[in-house]
Every structure is written in C-alpha cells, then in structure tokens.
C-alpha cells in the first residue's frame, strides 16, 4: 500500500487542527521555530496558534511532500513518530509555507514552519 493515503493525510490535518485549537502545541526545536517566526514577521509566543490555524486551513492532502511511507523522527521527544511535511500556499504570508509536524498523544509537535526554501518552486 502506498501510504500515507489521501484519507490518512486528511485525518492527520484534522487532528493537527484539533490539537492546535486545544492549545496542544509543542516545539521540537524552539530556537529554529523562533528564528523562522522572525523571518516570517510574527510573534511566536502570541501568534503561533493563529498562524498554525491559518496555515493548516489552507493545507490539503495534495500539499504533502513527504516520503511514502512517512519518515520517522529521531528526536528524543518524538522518537519514531511519523513526520508529515507539507508545502502549501499562505494567504497571510503571501508565499508558500513549509510545515512539518507529527502527532503524538493527541498533541501537535511542530518541527518546521517557514517560508518554502525549495529553489525549484517559484510560488
């Protein structure tokens, strides 16, 4: 089976939105996320939830750019959790955003959230 399937990705995005709405967000590498937040022009502590909800609302299973099957994390906090990277348009930031997360124990663990850095992608 070629996973993740469309349905699985849709479910992951819905679970991610639900976790964010409940405030269940953890940063795997806070320094990297903070640096990217500065580059995008938002305040990490006060705007992260709104930013995540906006990005997730414009992200669909078609935006998945990960491996099949998904890669697994080697970070201690989320060891062996499947990673879900997406590249999606952002109305808020007027560019494509790269978002990578995993879900563990009904919480969203944010790995990356930054402007898309794929040189071959002009949008």
N, C-alpha and C. Protein backbone atom coordinates (compact mmCIF):
# COMPACT_ATOMS: atom_id res chain seq x y z
N UNK A 1 0.84 -1.18 0.00
CA UNK A 1 0.00 0.00 0.00
C UNK A 1 0.89 1.25 0.00
N UNK A 2 0.50 2.21 -0.77
CA UNK A 2 1.22 3.47 -0.89
C UNK A 2 0.69 4.46 0.14
N UNK A 3 1.29 4.49 1.30
CA UNK A 3 0.81 5.38 2.34
C UNK A 3 1.82 6.47 2.60
N UNK A 4 1.35 7.59 3.09
CA UNK A 4 0.01 7.82 3.60
C UNK A 4 -1.00 8.05 2.47
N UNK A 5 -2.18 7.54 2.68
CA UNK A 5 -3.25 7.72 1.72
C UNK A 5 -3.83 9.13 1.86
N UNK A 6 -4.63 9.51 0.89
CA UNK A 6 -5.32 10.81 0.95
C UNK A 6 -6.13 10.90 2.24
N UNK A 7 -6.87 9.85 2.53
CA UNK A 7 -7.72 9.85 3.73
C UNK A 7 -6.87 9.97 4.99
N UNK A 8 -5.75 9.27 5.05
CA UNK A 8 -4.87 9.34 6.22
C UNK A 8 -4.32 10.77 6.39
N UNK A 9 -3.90 11.38 5.28
CA UNK A 9 -3.39 12.75 5.36
C UNK A 9 -4.48 13.73 5.78
N UNK A 10 -5.68 13.54 5.25
CA UNK A 10 -6.80 14.39 5.65
C UNK A 10 -7.06 14.26 7.14
N UNK A 11 -7.03 13.03 7.64
CA UNK A 11 -7.22 12.80 9.07
C UNK A 11 -6.11 13.45 9.90
N UNK A 12 -4.87 13.35 9.44
CA UNK A 12 -3.74 13.97 10.16
C UNK A 12 -3.91 15.49 10.22
N UNK A 13 -4.31 16.10 9.11
CA UNK A 13 -4.53 17.54 9.11
C UNK A 13 -5.66 17.93 10.06
N UNK A 14 -6.73 17.14 10.09
CA UNK A 14 -7.83 17.41 11.00
C UNK A 14 -7.39 17.25 12.46
N UNK A 15 -6.60 16.22 12.74
CA UNK A 15 -6.08 16.02 14.09
C UNK A 15 -5.15 17.16 14.48
N UNK A 16 -4.36 17.63 13.53
CA UNK A 16 -3.45 18.75 13.80
C UNK A 16 -4.25 20.00 14.14
N UNK A 17 -5.28 20.30 13.36
CA UNK A 17 -6.13 21.47 13.65
C UNK A 17 -6.76 21.35 15.03
N UNK A 18 -7.26 20.19 15.35
CA UNK A 18 -7.90 19.97 16.65
C UNK A 18 -6.90 20.19 17.79
N UNK A 19 -5.69 19.67 17.66
CA UNK A 19 -4.67 19.85 18.69
C UNK A 19 -4.34 21.33 18.88
N UNK A 20 -4.19 22.05 17.76
CA UNK A 20 -3.86 23.48 17.83
C UNK A 20 -5.01 24.25 18.48
N UNK A 21 -6.24 23.94 18.10
CA UNK A 21 -7.40 24.62 18.69
C UNK A 21 -7.45 24.41 20.20
N UNK A 22 -6.98 23.26 20.67
CA UNK A 22 -6.97 22.96 22.11
C UNK A 22 -5.71 23.49 22.79
N UNK A 23 -4.81 24.09 22.02
CA UNK A 23 -3.57 24.61 22.59
C UNK A 23 -2.53 23.55 22.87
N UNK A 24 -2.68 22.40 22.25
CA UNK A 24 -1.76 21.29 22.48
C UNK A 24 -0.65 21.31 21.43
N UNK A 25 0.23 22.31 21.54
CA UNK A 25 1.30 22.52 20.57
C UNK A 25 2.64 22.51 21.30
N UNK A 26 3.57 21.72 20.82
CA UNK A 26 4.91 21.66 21.36
C UNK A 26 5.90 21.95 20.25
N UNK A 27 6.99 22.62 20.57
CA UNK A 27 8.03 22.92 19.60
C UNK A 27 9.18 21.95 19.81
N UNK A 28 9.55 21.24 18.76
CA UNK A 28 10.64 20.28 18.86
C UNK A 28 11.98 21.02 18.98
N UNK A 29 12.14 22.09 18.18
CA UNK A 29 13.34 22.91 18.23
C UNK A 29 12.91 24.38 18.34
N UNK A 30 12.67 24.86 19.56
CA UNK A 30 12.14 26.21 19.74
C UNK A 30 13.00 27.31 19.11
N UNK A 31 14.31 27.16 19.14
CA UNK A 31 15.19 28.19 18.57
C UNK A 31 14.99 28.31 17.06
N UNK A 32 14.89 27.20 16.37
CA UNK A 32 14.70 27.22 14.92
C UNK A 32 13.34 27.80 14.56
N UNK A 33 12.30 27.40 15.30
CA UNK A 33 10.96 27.92 15.02
C UNK A 33 10.90 29.42 15.31
N UNK A 34 11.57 29.86 16.38
CA UNK A 34 11.60 31.29 16.70
C UNK A 34 12.32 32.08 15.61
N UNK A 35 13.42 31.56 15.12
CA UNK A 35 14.15 32.24 14.04
C UNK A 35 13.29 32.35 12.79
N UNK A 36 12.60 31.28 12.45
CA UNK A 36 11.71 31.30 11.29
C UNK A 36 10.53 32.24 11.50
N UNK A 37 10.04 32.35 12.73
CA UNK A 37 8.94 33.27 13.03
C UNK A 37 9.38 34.71 12.79
N UNK A 38 10.59 35.03 13.19
CA UNK A 38 11.12 36.38 12.96
C UNK A 38 11.18 36.66 11.46
N UNK A 39 11.66 35.70 10.69
CA UNK A 39 11.76 35.88 9.23
C UNK A 39 10.38 36.05 8.59
N UNK A 40 9.39 35.37 9.13
CA UNK A 40 8.03 35.49 8.59
C UNK A 40 7.31 36.72 9.14
N UNK A 41 7.80 37.28 10.23
CA UNK A 41 7.22 38.51 10.77
C UNK A 41 6.05 38.30 11.70
N UNK A 42 6.09 37.26 12.52
CA UNK A 42 5.04 37.10 13.52
C UNK A 42 5.68 36.82 14.88
N UNK A 43 4.93 37.09 15.94
CA UNK A 43 5.42 36.86 17.29
C UNK A 43 5.10 35.44 17.72
N UNK A 44 6.14 34.69 17.98
CA UNK A 44 5.97 33.27 18.29
C UNK A 44 5.04 33.05 19.48
N UNK A 45 5.27 33.74 20.58
CA UNK A 45 4.51 33.48 21.80
C UNK A 45 3.04 33.86 21.70
N UNK A 46 2.73 34.94 20.99
CA UNK A 46 1.34 35.39 20.97
C UNK A 46 0.58 35.05 19.69
N UNK A 47 1.30 34.69 18.62
CA UNK A 47 0.60 34.48 17.34
C UNK A 47 0.72 33.07 16.77
N UNK A 48 1.48 32.20 17.41
CA UNK A 48 1.72 30.88 16.83
C UNK A 48 0.42 30.11 16.57
N UNK A 49 -0.49 30.10 17.50
CA UNK A 49 -1.74 29.35 17.32
C UNK A 49 -2.51 29.88 16.11
N UNK A 50 -2.64 31.20 16.01
CA UNK A 50 -3.35 31.79 14.86
C UNK A 50 -2.65 31.47 13.55
N UNK A 51 -1.32 31.55 13.55
CA UNK A 51 -0.54 31.24 12.35
C UNK A 51 -0.74 29.78 11.95
N UNK A 52 -0.63 28.88 12.91
CA UNK A 52 -0.82 27.46 12.61
C UNK A 52 -2.22 27.17 12.07
N UNK A 53 -3.23 27.76 12.69
CA UNK A 53 -4.60 27.53 12.21
C UNK A 53 -4.77 28.07 10.80
N UNK A 54 -4.19 29.22 10.50
CA UNK A 54 -4.29 29.78 9.15
C UNK A 54 -3.57 28.89 8.14
N UNK A 55 -2.37 28.44 8.48
CA UNK A 55 -1.62 27.58 7.56
C UNK A 55 -2.33 26.24 7.38
N UNK A 56 -2.78 25.66 8.46
CA UNK A 56 -3.48 24.37 8.36
C UNK A 56 -4.79 24.49 7.59
N UNK A 57 -5.45 25.64 7.67
CA UNK A 57 -6.73 25.78 6.95
C UNK A 57 -6.53 25.82 5.44
N UNK A 58 -5.34 26.20 4.99
CA UNK A 58 -5.08 26.24 3.55
C UNK A 58 -4.27 25.03 3.07
N UNK A 59 -4.03 24.09 3.97
CA UNK A 59 -3.25 22.90 3.63
C UNK A 59 -4.18 21.72 3.38
N UNK A 60 -3.93 21.01 2.28
CA UNK A 60 -4.74 19.84 1.93
C UNK A 60 -3.81 18.65 1.73
N UNK A 61 -4.37 17.45 1.65
CA UNK A 61 -3.53 16.28 1.41
C UNK A 61 -2.67 16.39 0.15
N UNK A 62 -3.13 17.14 -0.84
CA UNK A 62 -2.35 17.30 -2.07
C UNK A 62 -1.04 18.06 -1.83
N UNK A 63 -0.94 18.77 -0.73
CA UNK A 63 0.26 19.55 -0.42
C UNK A 63 1.34 18.71 0.29
N UNK A 64 1.05 17.44 0.53
CA UNK A 64 2.03 16.57 1.20
C UNK A 64 3.27 16.41 0.33
N UNK A 65 4.44 16.59 0.93
CA UNK A 65 5.70 16.47 0.18
C UNK A 65 6.66 15.47 0.83
N UNK A 66 6.12 14.63 1.69
CA UNK A 66 6.96 13.67 2.41
C UNK A 66 7.13 12.37 1.67
N UNK A 67 7.86 11.49 2.33
CA UNK A 67 8.14 10.16 1.78
C UNK A 67 6.93 9.26 1.96
N UNK A 68 6.97 8.19 1.19
CA UNK A 68 5.93 7.17 1.27
C UNK A 68 6.59 5.82 1.46
N UNK A 69 6.47 5.22 2.62
CA UNK A 69 5.77 5.67 3.82
C UNK A 69 6.51 6.83 4.50
N UNK A 70 5.85 7.52 5.42
CA UNK A 70 6.45 8.69 6.05
C UNK A 70 7.75 8.35 6.80
N UNK A 71 8.66 9.32 6.80
CA UNK A 71 9.89 9.18 7.58
C UNK A 71 9.53 9.19 9.06
N UNK A 72 10.45 8.69 9.85
CA UNK A 72 10.24 8.69 11.30
C UNK A 72 11.27 9.58 11.97
N UNK A 73 10.87 10.14 13.10
CA UNK A 73 11.72 11.08 13.82
C UNK A 73 12.77 10.35 14.66
N UNK A 74 13.91 11.02 14.80
CA UNK A 74 14.96 10.52 15.69
C UNK A 74 15.14 11.43 16.90
N UNK A 75 14.29 12.46 17.01
CA UNK A 75 14.32 13.36 18.16
C UNK A 75 13.79 12.62 19.39
N UNK A 76 14.43 12.81 20.53
CA UNK A 76 14.05 12.09 21.74
C UNK A 76 12.60 12.28 22.13
N UNK A 77 12.08 13.51 22.02
CA UNK A 77 10.71 13.79 22.44
C UNK A 77 9.68 13.02 21.63
N UNK A 78 10.01 12.76 20.37
CA UNK A 78 9.02 12.17 19.45
C UNK A 78 9.63 10.98 18.70
N UNK A 79 10.51 10.26 19.36
CA UNK A 79 11.25 9.17 18.72
C UNK A 79 10.31 8.20 18.00
N UNK A 80 10.64 7.95 16.76
CA UNK A 80 9.93 7.02 15.89
C UNK A 80 8.53 7.47 15.46
N UNK A 81 8.14 8.68 15.79
CA UNK A 81 6.85 9.21 15.31
C UNK A 81 6.96 9.52 13.83
N UNK A 82 5.89 9.30 13.10
CA UNK A 82 5.88 9.62 11.67
C UNK A 82 5.82 11.12 11.46
N UNK A 83 6.59 11.59 10.48
CA UNK A 83 6.69 13.01 10.17
C UNK A 83 5.83 13.34 8.94
N UNK A 84 5.13 14.46 9.03
CA UNK A 84 4.23 14.87 7.96
C UNK A 84 4.59 16.27 7.47
N UNK A 85 5.37 16.36 6.38
CA UNK A 85 5.71 17.66 5.81
C UNK A 85 4.74 18.05 4.68
N UNK A 86 4.44 19.34 4.64
CA UNK A 86 3.54 19.90 3.64
C UNK A 86 4.13 21.20 3.10
N UNK A 87 3.86 21.47 1.86
CA UNK A 87 4.23 22.75 1.24
C UNK A 87 2.93 23.32 0.69
N UNK A 88 2.46 24.42 1.32
CA UNK A 88 1.14 24.95 0.99
C UNK A 88 1.17 26.47 0.86
N UNK A 89 0.24 27.02 0.06
CA UNK A 89 0.17 28.47 -0.06
C UNK A 89 -0.36 29.10 1.23
N UNK A 90 0.13 30.28 1.52
CA UNK A 90 -0.34 31.00 2.70
C UNK A 90 -0.82 32.39 2.29
N UNK A 91 -2.09 32.64 2.52
CA UNK A 91 -2.65 33.96 2.24
C UNK A 91 -2.03 34.99 3.19
N UNK A 92 -1.86 34.61 4.42
CA UNK A 92 -1.30 35.52 5.43
C UNK A 92 0.10 36.00 5.06
N UNK A 93 0.95 35.07 4.62
CA UNK A 93 2.34 35.41 4.34
C UNK A 93 2.62 35.67 2.86
N UNK A 94 1.61 35.47 2.02
CA UNK A 94 1.74 35.73 0.57
C UNK A 94 2.89 34.93 -0.06
N UNK A 95 3.05 33.71 0.38
CA UNK A 95 4.08 32.82 -0.18
C UNK A 95 3.70 31.38 0.18
N UNK A 96 4.50 30.46 -0.30
CA UNK A 96 4.30 29.06 0.08
C UNK A 96 5.03 28.82 1.40
N UNK A 97 4.39 28.07 2.26
CA UNK A 97 4.93 27.76 3.58
C UNK A 97 5.25 26.28 3.65
N UNK A 98 6.38 25.97 4.26
CA UNK A 98 6.76 24.59 4.53
C UNK A 98 6.41 24.32 5.99
N UNK A 99 5.61 23.31 6.21
CA UNK A 99 5.15 22.93 7.55
C UNK A 99 5.45 21.46 7.75
N UNK A 100 6.14 21.13 8.84
CA UNK A 100 6.37 19.72 9.17
C UNK A 100 6.00 19.51 10.63
N UNK A 101 5.21 18.47 10.87
CA UNK A 101 4.77 18.17 12.23
C UNK A 101 4.60 16.67 12.40
N UNK A 102 4.43 16.29 13.65
CA UNK A 102 4.00 14.95 13.97
C UNK A 102 2.94 15.08 15.05
N UNK A 103 2.16 14.05 15.20
CA UNK A 103 1.14 14.00 16.25
C UNK A 103 1.52 12.87 17.20
N UNK A 104 1.52 13.19 18.47
CA UNK A 104 1.90 12.21 19.49
C UNK A 104 1.04 12.46 20.71
N UNK A 105 0.30 11.47 21.13
CA UNK A 105 -0.53 11.59 22.32
C UNK A 105 -1.53 12.75 22.18
N UNK A 106 -2.12 12.90 21.01
CA UNK A 106 -3.12 13.92 20.68
C UNK A 106 -2.56 15.34 20.71
N UNK A 107 -1.23 15.47 20.72
CA UNK A 107 -0.58 16.78 20.69
C UNK A 107 0.15 16.95 19.37
N UNK A 108 0.22 18.20 18.91
CA UNK A 108 0.97 18.51 17.71
C UNK A 108 2.39 18.91 18.12
N UNK A 109 3.36 18.27 17.54
CA UNK A 109 4.76 18.62 17.74
C UNK A 109 5.24 19.27 16.46
N UNK A 110 5.49 20.57 16.54
CA UNK A 110 5.91 21.35 15.39
C UNK A 110 7.41 21.22 15.20
N UNK A 111 7.79 20.79 14.01
CA UNK A 111 9.20 20.62 13.68
C UNK A 111 9.68 21.80 12.86
N UNK A 112 8.91 22.17 11.84
CA UNK A 112 9.29 23.29 10.96
C UNK A 112 8.06 24.07 10.54
N UNK A 113 8.25 25.39 10.45
CA UNK A 113 7.23 26.28 9.92
C UNK A 113 7.97 27.49 9.38
N UNK A 114 8.18 27.50 8.07
CA UNK A 114 8.96 28.59 7.47
C UNK A 114 8.57 28.78 6.02
N UNK A 115 9.06 29.88 5.45
CA UNK A 115 8.86 30.13 4.03
C UNK A 115 9.50 28.98 3.26
N UNK A 116 8.82 28.53 2.21
CA UNK A 116 9.34 27.44 1.41
C UNK A 116 10.73 27.78 0.88
N UNK A 117 11.65 26.86 1.02
CA UNK A 117 13.03 27.09 0.58
C UNK A 117 13.40 26.25 -0.62
N UNK A 118 12.42 25.60 -1.24
CA UNK A 118 12.67 24.78 -2.41
C UNK A 118 12.93 25.70 -3.59
N UNK A 119 14.16 25.73 -4.07
CA UNK A 119 14.55 26.65 -5.13
C UNK A 119 13.77 26.44 -6.42
N UNK A 120 13.31 25.24 -6.68
CA UNK A 120 12.59 24.95 -7.90
C UNK A 120 11.13 25.40 -7.87
N UNK A 121 10.66 25.90 -6.74
CA UNK A 121 9.26 26.27 -6.56
C UNK A 121 9.17 27.78 -6.45
N UNK A 122 8.70 28.46 -7.49
CA UNK A 122 8.66 29.93 -7.54
C UNK A 122 7.45 30.52 -6.84
N UNK A 123 6.43 29.71 -6.57
CA UNK A 123 5.20 30.28 -5.99
C UNK A 123 5.28 30.44 -4.49
